PDB file of N, CA and C in Angstrom:
ATOM      1  N   MET A   1     -29.066 -17.570  14.017  1.00  0.00           N
ATOM      2  CA  MET A   1     -27.923 -16.703  13.818  1.00  0.00           C
ATOM      3  C   MET A   1     -27.731 -16.490  12.320  1.00  0.00           C
ATOM      4  N   THR A   2     -27.488 -15.262  11.933  1.00  0.00           N
ATOM      5  CA  THR A   2     -27.284 -14.912  10.534  1.00  0.00           C
ATOM      6  C   THR A   2     -25.796 -14.745  10.273  1.00  0.00           C
ATOM      7  N   THR A   3     -25.330 -15.351   9.218  1.00  0.00           N
ATOM      8  CA  THR A   3     -23.934 -15.208   8.819  1.00  0.00           C
ATOM      9  C   THR A   3     -23.875 -14.246   7.649  1.00  0.00           C
ATOM     10  N   THR A   4     -22.988 -13.288   7.734  1.00  0.00           N
ATOM     11  CA  THR A   4     -22.840 -12.351   6.626  1.00  0.00           C
ATOM     12  C   THR A   4     -21.536 -12.626   5.913  1.00  0.00           C
ATOM     13  N   THR A   5     -21.553 -12.447   4.633  1.00  0.00           N
ATOM     14  CA  THR A   5     -20.347 -12.599   3.823  1.00  0.00           C
ATOM     15  C   THR A   5     -19.733 -11.220   3.651  1.00  0.00           C
ATOM     16  N   PRO A   6     -18.441 -11.085   3.884  1.00  0.00           N
ATOM     17  CA  PRO A   6     -17.819  -9.769   3.718  1.00  0.00           C
ATOM     18  C   PRO A   6     -18.012  -9.263   2.296  1.00  0.00           C
ATOM     19  N   SER A   7     -18.258  -7.978   2.177  1.00  0.00           N
ATOM     20  CA  SER A   7     -18.390  -7.397   0.844  1.00  0.00           C
ATOM     21  C   SER A   7     -17.019  -7.312   0.200  1.00  0.00           C
ATOM     22  N   ARG A   8     -17.020  -7.032  -1.074  1.00  0.00           N
ATOM     23  CA  ARG A   8     -15.753  -6.895  -1.794  1.00  0.00           C
ATOM     24  C   ARG A   8     -14.889  -5.821  -1.141  1.00  0.00           C
ATOM     25  N   THR A   9     -15.505  -4.733  -0.714  1.00  0.00           N
ATOM     26  CA  THR A   9     -14.761  -3.650  -0.066  1.00  0.00           C
ATOM     27  C   THR A   9     -14.112  -4.151   1.212  1.00  0.00           C
ATOM     28  N   ASP A  10     -14.873  -4.916   2.027  1.00  0.00           N
ATOM     29  CA  ASP A  10     -14.322  -5.452   3.265  1.00  0.00           C
ATOM     30  C   ASP A  10     -13.166  -6.394   2.983  1.00  0.00           C
ATOM     31  N   GLN A  11     -13.289  -7.215   1.959  1.00  0.00           N
ATOM     32  CA  GLN A  11     -12.226  -8.153   1.619  1.00  0.00           C
ATOM     33  C   GLN A  11     -10.972  -7.412   1.198  1.00  0.00           C
ATOM     34  N   ARG A  12     -11.126  -6.343   0.428  1.00  0.00           N
ATOM     35  CA  ARG A  12      -9.965  -5.563   0.004  1.00  0.00           C
ATOM     36  C   ARG A  12      -9.272  -4.931   1.200  1.00  0.00           C
ATOM     37  N   ALA A  13     -10.045  -4.447   2.150  1.00  0.00           N
ATOM     38  CA  ALA A  13      -9.463  -3.798   3.326  1.00  0.00           C
ATOM     39  C   ALA A  13      -8.639  -4.777   4.145  1.00  0.00           C
ATOM     40  N   GLU A  14      -9.001  -6.057   4.105  1.00  0.00           N
ATOM     41  CA  GLU A  14      -8.279  -7.073   4.867  1.00  0.00           C
ATOM     42  C   GLU A  14      -7.011  -7.530   4.166  1.00  0.00           C
ATOM     43  N   GLN A  15      -6.911  -7.328   2.862  1.00  0.00           N
ATOM     44  CA  GLN A  15      -5.746  -7.789   2.121  1.00  0.00           C
ATOM     45  C   GLN A  15      -4.585  -6.824   2.311  1.00  0.00           C
ATOM     46  N   ARG A  16      -3.410  -7.385   2.326  1.00  0.00           N
ATOM     47  CA  ARG A  16      -2.200  -6.573   2.461  1.00  0.00           C
ATOM     48  C   ARG A  16      -1.199  -6.973   1.382  1.00  0.00           C
ATOM     49  N   LEU A  17      -0.544  -5.973   0.846  1.00  0.00           N
ATOM     50  CA  LEU A  17       0.536  -6.189  -0.102  1.00  0.00           C
ATOM     51  C   LEU A  17       1.832  -5.779   0.571  1.00  0.00           C
ATOM     52  N   GLU A  18       2.870  -6.524   0.309  1.00  0.00           N
ATOM     53  CA  GLU A  18       4.210  -6.159   0.762  1.00  0.00           C
ATOM     54  C   GLU A  18       5.008  -5.821  -0.490  1.00  0.00           C
ATOM     55  N   LEU A  19       5.538  -4.620  -0.541  1.00  0.00           N
ATOM     56  CA  LEU A  19       6.309  -4.181  -1.697  1.00  0.00           C
ATOM     57  C   LEU A  19       7.744  -3.905  -1.293  1.00  0.00           C
ATOM     58  N   ASP A  20       8.688  -4.395  -2.075  1.00  0.00           N
ATOM     59  CA  ASP A  20      10.096  -4.043  -1.893  1.00  0.00           C
ATOM     60  C   ASP A  20      10.323  -2.739  -2.640  1.00  0.00           C
ATOM     61  N   ILE A  21      10.930  -1.766  -1.965  1.00  0.00           N
ATOM     62  CA  ILE A  21      11.158  -0.464  -2.576  1.00  0.00           C
ATOM     63  C   ILE A  21      12.628  -0.124  -2.447  1.00  0.00           C
ATOM     64  N   GLY A  22      13.327  -0.145  -3.549  1.00  0.00           N
ATOM     65  CA  GLY A  22      14.742   0.195  -3.551  1.00  0.00           C
ATOM     66  C   GLY A  22      14.940   1.651  -3.938  1.00  0.00           C
ATOM     67  N   GLY A  23      16.091   2.180  -3.609  1.00  0.00           N
ATOM     68  CA  GLY A  23      16.457   3.516  -4.048  1.00  0.00           C
ATOM     69  C   GLY A  23      16.057   4.647  -3.108  1.00  0.00           C
ATOM     70  N   MET A  24      15.463   4.338  -1.972  1.00  0.00           N
ATOM     71  CA  MET A  24      15.151   5.406  -1.021  1.00  0.00           C
ATOM     72  C   MET A  24      16.447   5.805  -0.328  1.00  0.00           C
ATOM     73  N   THR A  25      16.732   7.091  -0.322  1.00  0.00           N
ATOM     74  CA  THR A  25      17.999   7.546   0.247  1.00  0.00           C
ATOM     75  C   THR A  25      17.853   8.217   1.604  1.00  0.00           C
ATOM     76  N   CYS A  26      16.603   8.470   2.017  1.00  0.00           N
ATOM     77  CA  CYS A  26      16.389   9.115   3.309  1.00  0.00           C
ATOM     78  C   CYS A  26      14.962   8.857   3.786  1.00  0.00           C
ATOM     79  N   SER A  27      14.699   9.239   5.024  1.00  0.00           N
ATOM     80  CA  SER A  27      13.361   9.017   5.566  1.00  0.00           C
ATOM     81  C   SER A  27      12.322   9.896   4.875  1.00  0.00           C
ATOM     82  N   ALA A  28      12.757  11.018   4.312  1.00  0.00           N
ATOM     83  CA  ALA A  28      11.826  11.864   3.559  1.00  0.00           C
ATOM     84  C   ALA A  28      11.308  11.124   2.329  1.00  0.00           C
ATOM     85  N   CYS A  29      12.151  10.288   1.723  1.00  0.00           N
ATOM     86  CA  CYS A  29      11.717   9.471   0.583  1.00  0.00           C
ATOM     87  C   CYS A  29      10.622   8.504   1.023  1.00  0.00           C
ATOM     88  N   ALA A  30      10.834   7.864   2.150  1.00  0.00           N
ATOM     89  CA  ALA A  30       9.844   6.921   2.678  1.00  0.00           C
ATOM     90  C   ALA A  30       8.533   7.636   2.977  1.00  0.00           C
ATOM     91  N   ASN A  31       8.616   8.837   3.532  1.00  0.00           N
ATOM     92  CA  ASN A  31       7.409   9.611   3.815  1.00  0.00           C
ATOM     93  C   ASN A  31       6.671   9.990   2.533  1.00  0.00           C
ATOM     94  N   ALA A  32       7.414  10.352   1.494  1.00  0.00           N
ATOM     95  CA  ALA A  32       6.796  10.719   0.219  1.00  0.00           C
ATOM     96  C   ALA A  32       6.069   9.519  -0.388  1.00  0.00           C
ATOM     97  N   VAL A  33       6.693   8.358  -0.326  1.00  0.00           N
ATOM     98  CA  VAL A  33       6.070   7.138  -0.854  1.00  0.00           C
ATOM     99  C   VAL A  33       4.814   6.814  -0.055  1.00  0.00           C
ATOM    100  N   GLU A  34       4.904   6.919   1.251  1.00  0.00           N
ATOM    101  CA  GLU A  34       3.759   6.623   2.112  1.00  0.00           C
ATOM    102  C   GLU A  34       2.590   7.564   1.810  1.00  0.00           C
ATOM    103  N   ARG A  35       2.885   8.854   1.608  1.00  0.00           N
ATOM    104  CA  ARG A  35       1.824   9.819   1.287  1.00  0.00           C
ATOM    105  C   ARG A  35       1.180   9.499  -0.057  1.00  0.00           C
ATOM    106  N   LYS A  36       1.979   9.166  -1.057  1.00  0.00           N
ATOM    107  CA  LYS A  36       1.435   8.836  -2.383  1.00  0.00           C
ATOM    108  C   LYS A  36       0.536   7.620  -2.313  1.00  0.00           C
ATOM    109  N   LEU A  37       0.980   6.587  -1.626  1.00  0.00           N
ATOM    110  CA  LEU A  37       0.162   5.381  -1.509  1.00  0.00           C
ATOM    111  C   LEU A  37      -1.124   5.676  -0.747  1.00  0.00           C
ATOM    112  N   GLY A  38      -1.040   6.519   0.258  1.00  0.00           N
ATOM    113  CA  GLY A  38      -2.203   6.868   1.061  1.00  0.00           C
ATOM    114  C   GLY A  38      -3.258   7.651   0.299  1.00  0.00           C
ATOM    115  N   LYS A  39      -2.892   8.214  -0.845  1.00  0.00           N
ATOM    116  CA  LYS A  39      -3.855   8.961  -1.659  1.00  0.00           C
ATOM    117  C   LYS A  39      -4.769   8.042  -2.471  1.00  0.00           C
ATOM    118  N   LEU A  40      -4.413   6.772  -2.562  1.00  0.00           N
ATOM    119  CA  LEU A  40      -5.277   5.825  -3.250  1.00  0.00           C
ATOM    120  C   LEU A  40      -6.518   5.579  -2.404  1.00  0.00           C
ATOM    121  N   ASP A  41      -7.652   5.474  -3.033  1.00  0.00           N
ATOM    122  CA  ASP A  41      -8.926   5.317  -2.343  1.00  0.00           C
ATOM    123  C   ASP A  41      -8.952   4.067  -1.467  1.00  0.00           C
ATOM    124  N   GLY A  42      -9.204   4.250  -0.175  1.00  0.00           N
ATOM    125  CA  GLY A  42      -9.350   3.138   0.751  1.00  0.00           C
ATOM    126  C   GLY A  42      -8.059   2.473   1.171  1.00  0.00           C
ATOM    127  N   VAL A  43      -6.931   3.105   0.888  1.00  0.00           N
ATOM    128  CA  VAL A  43      -5.625   2.497   1.149  1.00  0.00           C
ATOM    129  C   VAL A  43      -4.946   3.136   2.351  1.00  0.00           C
ATOM    130  N   THR A  44      -4.336   2.299   3.164  1.00  0.00           N
ATOM    131  CA  THR A  44      -3.415   2.773   4.194  1.00  0.00           C
ATOM    132  C   THR A  44      -2.073   2.110   3.916  1.00  0.00           C
ATOM    133  N   ALA A  45      -1.019   2.844   4.149  1.00  0.00           N
ATOM    134  CA  ALA A  45       0.314   2.321   3.845  1.00  0.00           C
ATOM    135  C   ALA A  45       1.288   2.685   4.950  1.00  0.00           C
ATOM    136  N   SER A  46       2.252   1.820   5.117  1.00  0.00           N
ATOM    137  CA  SER A  46       3.337   2.054   6.050  1.00  0.00           C
ATOM    138  C   SER A  46       4.633   1.699   5.331  1.00  0.00           C
ATOM    139  N   VAL A  47       5.548   2.654   5.266  1.00  0.00           N
ATOM    140  CA  VAL A  47       6.812   2.435   4.572  1.00  0.00           C
ATOM    141  C   VAL A  47       7.935   2.440   5.595  1.00  0.00           C
ATOM    142  N   ASN A  48       8.762   1.407   5.549  1.00  0.00           N
ATOM    143  CA  ASN A  48       9.893   1.292   6.454  1.00  0.00           C
ATOM    144  C   ASN A  48      11.159   1.569   5.655  1.00  0.00           C
ATOM    145  N   PHE A  49      11.795   2.706   5.941  1.00  0.00           N
ATOM    146  CA  PHE A  49      13.000   3.110   5.226  1.00  0.00           C
ATOM    147  C   PHE A  49      14.139   2.116   5.439  1.00  0.00           C
ATOM    148  N   ALA A  50      14.306   1.638   6.660  1.00  0.00           N
ATOM    149  CA  ALA A  50      15.422   0.747   6.985  1.00  0.00           C
ATOM    150  C   ALA A  50      15.343  -0.586   6.247  1.00  0.00           C
ATOM    151  N   THR A  51      14.145  -1.135   6.119  1.00  0.00           N
ATOM    152  CA  THR A  51      13.999  -2.435   5.447  1.00  0.00           C
ATOM    153  C   THR A  51      13.662  -2.297   3.969  1.00  0.00           C
ATOM    154  N   GLU A  52      13.413  -1.058   3.533  1.00  0.00           N
ATOM    155  CA  GLU A  52      13.025  -0.767   2.154  1.00  0.00           C
ATOM    156  C   GLU A  52      11.797  -1.566   1.730  1.00  0.00           C
ATOM    157  N   ARG A  53      10.793  -1.576   2.627  1.00  0.00           N
ATOM    158  CA  ARG A  53       9.550  -2.304   2.341  1.00  0.00           C
ATOM    159  C   ARG A  53       8.354  -1.421   2.675  1.00  0.00           C
ATOM    160  N   ALA A  54       7.287  -1.635   1.907  1.00  0.00           N
ATOM    161  CA  ALA A  54       6.021  -0.961   2.185  1.00  0.00           C
ATOM    162  C   ALA A  54       4.958  -2.014   2.421  1.00  0.00           C
ATOM    163  N   THR A  55       4.125  -1.784   3.419  1.00  0.00           N
ATOM    164  CA  THR A  55       2.963  -2.619   3.670  1.00  0.00           C
ATOM    165  C   THR A  55       1.754  -1.789   3.285  1.00  0.00           C
ATOM    166  N   VAL A  56       0.973  -2.311   2.345  1.00  0.00           N
ATOM    167  CA  VAL A  56      -0.161  -1.583   1.799  1.00  0.00           C
ATOM    168  C   VAL A  56      -1.427  -2.372   2.091  1.00  0.00           C
ATOM    169  N   ALA A  57      -2.367  -1.750   2.782  1.00  0.00           N
ATOM    170  CA  ALA A  57      -3.651  -2.387   3.079  1.00  0.00           C
ATOM    171  C   ALA A  57      -4.736  -1.697   2.274  1.00  0.00           C
ATOM    172  N   GLY A  58      -5.671  -2.492   1.771  1.00  0.00           N
ATOM    173  CA  GLY A  58      -6.800  -1.931   1.032  1.00  0.00           C
ATOM    174  C   GLY A  58      -6.724  -2.157  -0.459  1.00  0.00           C
ATOM    175  N   LEU A  59      -5.658  -2.796  -0.917  1.00  0.00           N
ATOM    176  CA  LEU A  59      -5.533  -3.146  -2.331  1.00  0.00           C
ATOM    177  C   LEU A  59      -5.379  -4.651  -2.441  1.00  0.00           C
ATOM    178  N   GLY A  60      -6.006  -5.234  -3.425  1.00  0.00           N
ATOM    179  CA  GLY A  60      -5.828  -6.651  -3.671  1.00  0.00           C
ATOM    180  C   GLY A  60      -4.598  -6.897  -4.525  1.00  0.00           C
ATOM    181  N   ILE A  61      -4.256  -8.152  -4.682  1.00  0.00           N
ATOM    182  CA  ILE A  61      -3.101  -8.523  -5.500  1.00  0.00           C
ATOM    183  C   ILE A  61      -3.243  -7.985  -6.917  1.00  0.00           C
ATOM    184  N   ALA A  62      -4.458  -8.002  -7.433  1.00  0.00           N
ATOM    185  CA  ALA A  62      -4.691  -7.507  -8.789  1.00  0.00           C
ATOM    186  C   ALA A  62      -4.399  -6.019  -8.909  1.00  0.00           C
ATOM    187  N   ASP A  63      -4.414  -5.307  -7.789  1.00  0.00           N
ATOM    188  CA  ASP A  63      -4.164  -3.872  -7.784  1.00  0.00           C
ATOM    189  C   ASP A  63      -2.710  -3.518  -7.504  1.00  0.00           C
ATOM    190  N   ALA A  64      -1.842  -4.499  -7.473  1.00  0.00           N
ATOM    191  CA  ALA A  64      -0.427  -4.251  -7.174  1.00  0.00           C
ATOM    192  C   ALA A  64       0.182  -3.272  -8.166  1.00  0.00           C
ATOM    193  N   ALA A  65      -0.205  -3.353  -9.419  1.00  0.00           N
ATOM    194  CA  ALA A  65       0.339  -2.444 -10.438  1.00  0.00           C
ATOM    195  C   ALA A  65      -0.016  -0.994 -10.112  1.00  0.00           C
ATOM    196  N   THR A  66      -1.187  -0.772  -9.557  1.00  0.00           N
ATOM    197  CA  THR A  66      -1.608   0.572  -9.161  1.00  0.00           C
ATOM    198  C   THR A  66      -0.695   1.098  -8.059  1.00  0.00           C
ATOM    199  N   ALA A  67      -0.401   0.259  -7.084  1.00  0.00           N
ATOM    200  CA  ALA A  67       0.469   0.658  -5.982  1.00  0.00           C
ATOM    201  C   ALA A  67       1.876   0.939  -6.493  1.00  0.00           C
ATOM    202  N   ILE A  68       2.367   0.100  -7.370  1.00  0.00           N
ATOM    203  CA  ILE A  68       3.714   0.290  -7.918  1.00  0.00           C
ATOM    204  C   ILE A  68       3.795   1.594  -8.707  1.00  0.00           C
ATOM    205  N   ALA A  69       2.765   1.907  -9.466  1.00  0.00           N
ATOM    206  CA  ALA A  69       2.744   3.158 -10.228  1.00  0.00           C
ATOM    207  C   ALA A  69       2.791   4.365  -9.293  1.00  0.00           C
ATOM    208  N   GLN A  70       2.083   4.290  -8.158  1.00  0.00           N
ATOM    209  CA  GLN A  70       2.110   5.381  -7.186  1.00  0.00           C
ATOM    210  C   GLN A  70       3.507   5.559  -6.598  1.00  0.00           C
ATOM    211  N   VAL A  71       4.174   4.450  -6.321  1.00  0.00           N
ATOM    212  CA  VAL A  71       5.542   4.513  -5.780  1.00  0.00           C
ATOM    213  C   VAL A  71       6.466   5.170  -6.796  1.00  0.00           C
ATOM    214  N   GLU A  72       6.335   4.793  -8.056  1.00  0.00           N
ATOM    215  CA  GLU A  72       7.180   5.380  -9.100  1.00  0.00           C
ATOM    216  C   GLU A  72       6.917   6.877  -9.250  1.00  0.00           C
ATOM    217  N   ARG A  73       5.660   7.297  -9.089  1.00  0.00           N
ATOM    218  CA  ARG A  73       5.327   8.730  -9.179  1.00  0.00           C
ATOM    219  C   ARG A  73       5.915   9.516  -8.008  1.00  0.00           C
ATOM    220  N   ALA A  74       6.135   8.847  -6.900  1.00  0.00           N
ATOM    221  CA  ALA A  74       6.700   9.527  -5.731  1.00  0.00           C
ATOM    222  C   ALA A  74       8.157   9.896  -5.970  1.00  0.00           C
ATOM    223  N   GLY A  75       8.770   9.252  -6.952  1.00  0.00           N
ATOM    224  CA  GLY A  75      10.154   9.581  -7.281  1.00  0.00           C
ATOM    225  C   GLY A  75      11.059   8.637  -6.634  1.00  0.00           C
TER     226      GLY A  75
END
């Protein structure tokens, strides 16, 4: 039996970041943030307006600043 080690890309896809996002005033804000995060290469995101949290898959902890910058660009 051969064991394979996940590639760096596979490892990133398995990692999830949880971001607290304050200042969203409506569900359209949450949708805008979700779309911006989704534009990052290899990233899927889910933003919950009620809890003011985003779950981001495909970025490692070291890439958290990239995700935060995208959220700030969303307004």
